[in-house]
Amino acid sequence: MANLFNRLKDSITSDFHEMLDQKEKKNPIAMLNQYLRECETEVEKVRKLVERQYLLKQEFEKKYAETQKLADKRKYQAEVASQAGETELYEFALSEHDHFAERAERIQHSLDEAVKGLEELEKKYEEMKHKLKDMYIKRMELMGRENIARANHRMNKVLESSEGYTDKSFSRFEEMEAYLERLEHGVNTSYYRNSIDGRIAQLEKQMKNEETHSIS
C-alpha cells in the first residue's frame, strides 16, 4: 500500500512539474514573476531569522555579562570570607563562584555559536538579496527581449501583410494593364477595320458613279 501511495505521489509530482514546464514555455515572464515572488518570500523569511538570531545574540551577551558579574562577585566574597576566617561562608561563596563561572562558560559557548550562526545567516541573506536583484535584472532583460521579439513579430506580420497586399496590387495592375491593352487593340482593330471598310465602300461608290457618268 505504501508503495502504491509513493507511486501515486511521484506521478502527481511529475504531472505537476510537467504542467509547470508547459506553463513556463507559454509564458516565461509570468513564471519568472512567480519565482521572484517565491524568492522574495524566502528572503523575507531569512531576514526575520537574521533579526531573531541578532536578538538571541544580544540576549546571550546580556546573560553572559550578568552571570560573569555574579561569578566575579562570589569570587570576591570568597576572598573576603577566607581572609576573615569564615570557612563555611568561604566554601559557600566559592561554590557559588564555581557555579556561576561554569554557567558563564556555557553561555559564552552558546554566544559564540550564536555569533557564528548570525554571521552565516547574514552572509546567506546578503547572497540571497544579490541573487534576487540579479533576478530582477534578468526579468528586465527578458522583458526587453520579449518586447523586441513581439515588436519584430508584429512588424513582420505587417510587412508580410503589406508585401502580400503589394503583390496583389501589382497583380491587379498587371491584369488591368493587360485588359486595357487587349481593349485598346480591339478598339484599334475595329477602328481600322471600320475605316478600311468605309473607305473601300466609298471608293466603290465613287467608281460606280464614274462608270455611270462615262456611259452617259
Protein backbone atom coordinates (compact mmCIF):
# COMPACT_ATOMS: atom_id res chain seq x y z
CA MET A 1 0.00 0.00 0.00
CA ALA A 2 2.84 2.38 0.86
CA ASN A 3 4.48 1.70 -2.49
CA LEU A 4 1.17 2.46 -4.21
CA PHE A 5 0.88 5.79 -2.43
CA ASN A 6 4.51 6.61 -3.24
CA ARG A 7 3.99 5.86 -6.93
CA LEU A 8 0.81 7.93 -6.91
CA LYS A 9 2.65 10.79 -5.22
CA ASP A 10 5.52 10.59 -7.72
CA SER A 11 3.06 10.54 -10.62
CA ILE A 12 1.22 13.60 -9.33
CA THR A 13 4.51 15.40 -8.71
CA SER A 14 5.73 14.53 -12.21
CA ASP A 15 2.48 15.74 -13.78
CA PHE A 16 2.66 18.94 -11.73
CA HIS A 17 6.23 19.69 -12.83
CA GLU A 18 5.31 18.90 -16.43
CA MET A 19 2.42 21.34 -16.16
CA LEU A 20 4.78 23.99 -14.78
CA ASP A 21 7.23 23.35 -17.63
CA GLN A 22 4.45 23.79 -20.20
CA LYS A 23 3.28 26.94 -18.47
CA GLU A 24 6.84 28.27 -18.40
CA LYS A 25 7.23 27.67 -22.13
CA LYS A 26 3.98 29.50 -22.86
CA ASN A 27 4.62 32.48 -20.60
CA PRO A 28 8.19 32.59 -19.21
CA ILE A 29 7.79 36.12 -17.80
CA ALA A 30 4.75 35.08 -15.74
CA MET A 31 6.65 32.08 -14.40
CA LEU A 32 9.67 34.26 -13.63
CA ASN A 33 7.40 36.66 -11.73
CA GLN A 34 6.08 33.72 -9.73
CA TYR A 35 9.64 32.56 -8.98
CA LEU A 36 10.53 36.10 -7.92
CA ARG A 37 7.58 36.26 -5.53
CA GLU A 38 8.62 32.93 -4.03
CA CYS A 39 12.21 34.12 -3.69
CA GLU A 40 11.04 37.37 -2.11
CA THR A 41 9.10 35.28 0.44
CA GLU A 42 12.20 33.20 1.20
CA VAL A 43 14.38 36.29 1.51
CA GLU A 44 11.86 37.79 3.93
CA LYS A 45 11.93 34.57 5.99
CA VAL A 46 15.72 34.70 6.18
CA ARG A 47 15.58 38.39 7.13
CA LYS A 48 13.33 37.53 10.07
CA LEU A 49 15.70 34.71 11.06
CA VAL A 50 18.61 37.16 10.99
CA GLU A 51 16.69 39.54 13.24
CA ARG A 52 15.81 36.71 15.65
CA GLN A 53 19.41 35.50 15.69
CA TYR A 54 20.63 39.03 16.36
CA LEU A 55 18.20 39.38 19.27
CA LEU A 56 19.30 35.97 20.55
CA LYS A 57 22.94 37.08 20.36
CA GLN A 58 22.10 40.21 22.36
CA GLU A 59 20.28 38.11 24.96
CA PHE A 60 23.26 35.77 25.30
CA GLU A 61 25.59 38.77 25.70
CA LYS A 62 23.32 40.18 28.40
CA LYS A 63 23.09 36.86 30.25
CA TYR A 64 26.84 36.32 29.97
CA ALA A 65 27.57 39.75 31.39
CA GLU A 66 25.15 39.20 34.28
CA THR A 67 26.48 35.71 35.06
CA GLN A 68 30.11 36.75 34.82
CA LYS A 69 29.39 39.67 37.13
CA LEU A 70 27.87 37.30 39.70
CA ALA A 71 30.84 34.92 39.35
CA ASP A 72 33.27 37.79 39.94
CA LYS A 73 31.17 38.94 42.91
CA ARG A 74 31.17 35.49 44.54
CA LYS A 75 34.92 35.20 43.94
CA TYR A 76 35.50 38.49 45.74
CA GLN A 77 33.18 37.44 48.55
CA ALA A 78 35.04 34.11 48.89
CA GLU A 79 38.32 36.00 49.23
CA VAL A 80 36.82 38.28 51.93
CA ALA A 81 35.40 35.28 53.83
CA SER A 82 38.75 33.47 53.59
CA GLN A 83 40.61 36.47 54.98
CA ALA A 84 38.04 36.74 57.79
CA GLY A 85 38.42 33.07 58.62
CA GLU A 86 34.80 32.32 57.82
CA THR A 87 35.33 28.86 56.39
CA GLU A 88 31.69 27.95 55.89
CA LEU A 89 30.91 31.28 54.20
CA TYR A 90 34.08 30.94 52.15
CA GLU A 91 33.10 27.49 50.91
CA PHE A 92 29.57 28.67 50.05
CA ALA A 93 30.85 31.72 48.14
CA LEU A 94 33.46 29.60 46.35
CA SER A 95 30.78 27.04 45.38
CA GLU A 96 28.58 29.85 44.07
CA HIS A 97 31.53 31.26 42.13
CA ASP A 98 32.22 27.90 40.51
CA HIS A 99 28.54 27.53 39.62
CA PHE A 100 28.30 30.99 38.03
CA ALA A 101 31.66 30.58 36.31
CA GLU A 102 30.52 27.28 34.78
CA ARG A 103 27.25 28.87 33.68
CA ALA A 104 29.12 31.84 32.19
CA GLU A 105 31.36 29.46 30.28
CA ARG A 106 28.33 27.61 28.90
CA ILE A 107 26.68 30.89 27.95
CA GLN A 108 29.92 32.05 26.32
CA HIS A 109 29.94 28.87 24.21
CA SER A 110 26.32 29.44 23.22
CA LEU A 111 27.14 33.07 22.47
CA ASP A 112 30.00 32.02 20.20
CA GLU A 113 27.65 29.63 18.38
CA ALA A 114 25.03 32.36 18.09
CA VAL A 115 27.58 34.79 16.65
CA LYS A 116 28.79 32.18 14.19
CA GLY A 117 25.20 31.36 13.18
CA LEU A 118 24.41 35.05 12.81
CA GLU A 119 27.41 35.56 10.54
CA GLU A 120 26.36 32.62 8.37
CA LEU A 121 22.77 33.84 8.20
CA GLU A 122 23.87 37.38 7.35
CA LYS A 123 26.14 36.01 4.62
CA LYS A 124 23.36 33.88 3.15
CA TYR A 125 20.93 36.77 3.48
CA GLU A 126 23.23 39.06 1.53
CA GLU A 127 23.78 36.37 -1.11
CA MET A 128 20.03 35.87 -1.46
CA LYS A 129 19.48 39.62 -1.81
CA HIS A 130 22.14 39.82 -4.52
CA LYS A 131 20.62 36.85 -6.34
CA LEU A 132 17.18 38.42 -6.05
CA LYS A 133 18.48 41.67 -7.52
CA ASP A 134 20.15 39.69 -10.30
CA MET A 135 16.81 38.02 -10.98
CA TYR A 136 15.14 41.45 -11.16
CA ILE A 137 17.71 42.48 -13.76
CA LYS A 138 17.22 39.16 -15.56
CA ARG A 139 13.49 39.80 -15.66
CA MET A 140 14.08 43.26 -17.13
CA GLU A 141 16.39 41.76 -19.75
CA LEU A 142 13.86 39.06 -20.62
CA MET A 143 11.05 41.61 -20.78
CA GLY A 144 13.18 43.74 -23.09
CA ARG A 145 13.94 40.79 -25.35
CA GLU A 146 10.30 39.71 -25.24
CA ASN A 147 9.18 43.21 -26.22
CA ILE A 148 11.65 43.24 -29.10
CA ALA A 149 10.52 39.79 -30.19
CA ARG A 150 6.88 40.82 -30.06
CA ALA A 151 7.61 44.05 -31.91
CA ASN A 152 9.56 42.16 -34.58
CA HIS A 153 6.78 39.61 -34.84
CA ARG A 154 4.17 42.34 -35.30
CA MET A 155 6.34 44.22 -37.78
CA ASN A 156 6.98 41.02 -39.72
CA LYS A 157 3.24 40.36 -39.84
CA VAL A 158 2.65 43.93 -41.03
CA LEU A 159 5.41 43.62 -43.60
CA GLU A 160 4.17 40.24 -44.76
CA SER A 161 0.66 41.61 -45.00
CA SER A 162 1.95 44.69 -46.75
CA GLU A 163 4.02 42.63 -49.15
CA GLY A 164 1.06 40.41 -49.82
CA TYR A 165 -1.11 43.44 -50.45
CA THR A 166 1.53 44.97 -52.68
CA ASP A 167 1.93 41.78 -54.68
CA LYS A 168 -1.80 41.54 -55.03
CA SER A 169 -1.97 45.16 -56.08
CA PHE A 170 0.76 44.68 -58.66
CA SER A 171 -1.07 41.61 -59.91
CA ARG A 172 -4.28 43.60 -60.24
CA PHE A 173 -2.43 46.36 -62.03
CA GLU A 174 -0.92 43.84 -64.41
CA GLU A 175 -4.33 42.34 -65.06
CA MET A 176 -5.83 45.77 -65.69
CA GLU A 177 -2.92 46.73 -67.92
CA ALA A 178 -3.30 43.54 -69.95
CA TYR A 179 -7.04 44.12 -70.17
CA LEU A 180 -6.54 47.70 -71.35
CA GLU A 181 -4.01 46.53 -73.90
CA ARG A 182 -6.47 43.97 -75.21
CA LEU A 183 -9.24 46.54 -75.19
CA GLU A 184 -7.06 49.07 -76.96
CA HIS A 185 -6.00 46.51 -79.52
CA GLY A 186 -9.64 45.58 -80.09
CA VAL A 187 -10.68 49.19 -80.44
CA ASN A 188 -7.85 49.96 -82.82
CA THR A 189 -8.54 46.85 -84.87
CA SER A 190 -12.21 47.69 -85.01
CA TYR A 191 -11.38 51.28 -85.91
CA TYR A 192 -9.02 50.34 -88.68
CA ARG A 193 -11.39 47.65 -89.93
CA ASN A 194 -14.29 50.03 -89.97
CA SER A 195 -12.14 52.72 -91.54
CA ILE A 196 -10.95 50.42 -94.33
CA ASP A 197 -14.46 49.13 -94.95
CA GLY A 198 -15.76 52.67 -95.13
CA ARG A 199 -13.06 53.85 -97.41
CA ILE A 200 -13.41 50.84 -99.71
CA ALA A 201 -17.19 51.31 -99.84
CA GLN A 202 -16.70 54.98 -100.61
CA LEU A 203 -14.22 54.13 -103.33
CA GLU A 204 -16.58 51.52 -104.78
CA LYS A 205 -19.42 54.03 -104.79
CA GLN A 206 -17.20 56.66 -106.36
CA MET A 207 -16.07 54.21 -109.02
CA LYS A 208 -19.67 53.23 -109.85
CA ASN A 209 -20.59 56.86 -110.18
CA GLU A 210 -17.70 57.48 -112.54
CA GLU A 211 -18.73 54.47 -114.65
CA THR A 212 -22.32 55.75 -114.87
CA HIS A 213 -21.16 59.17 -115.94
CA SER A 214 -18.86 57.61 -118.57
CA ILE A 215 -21.74 55.61 -120.14
CA SER A 216 -23.93 58.65 -120.21
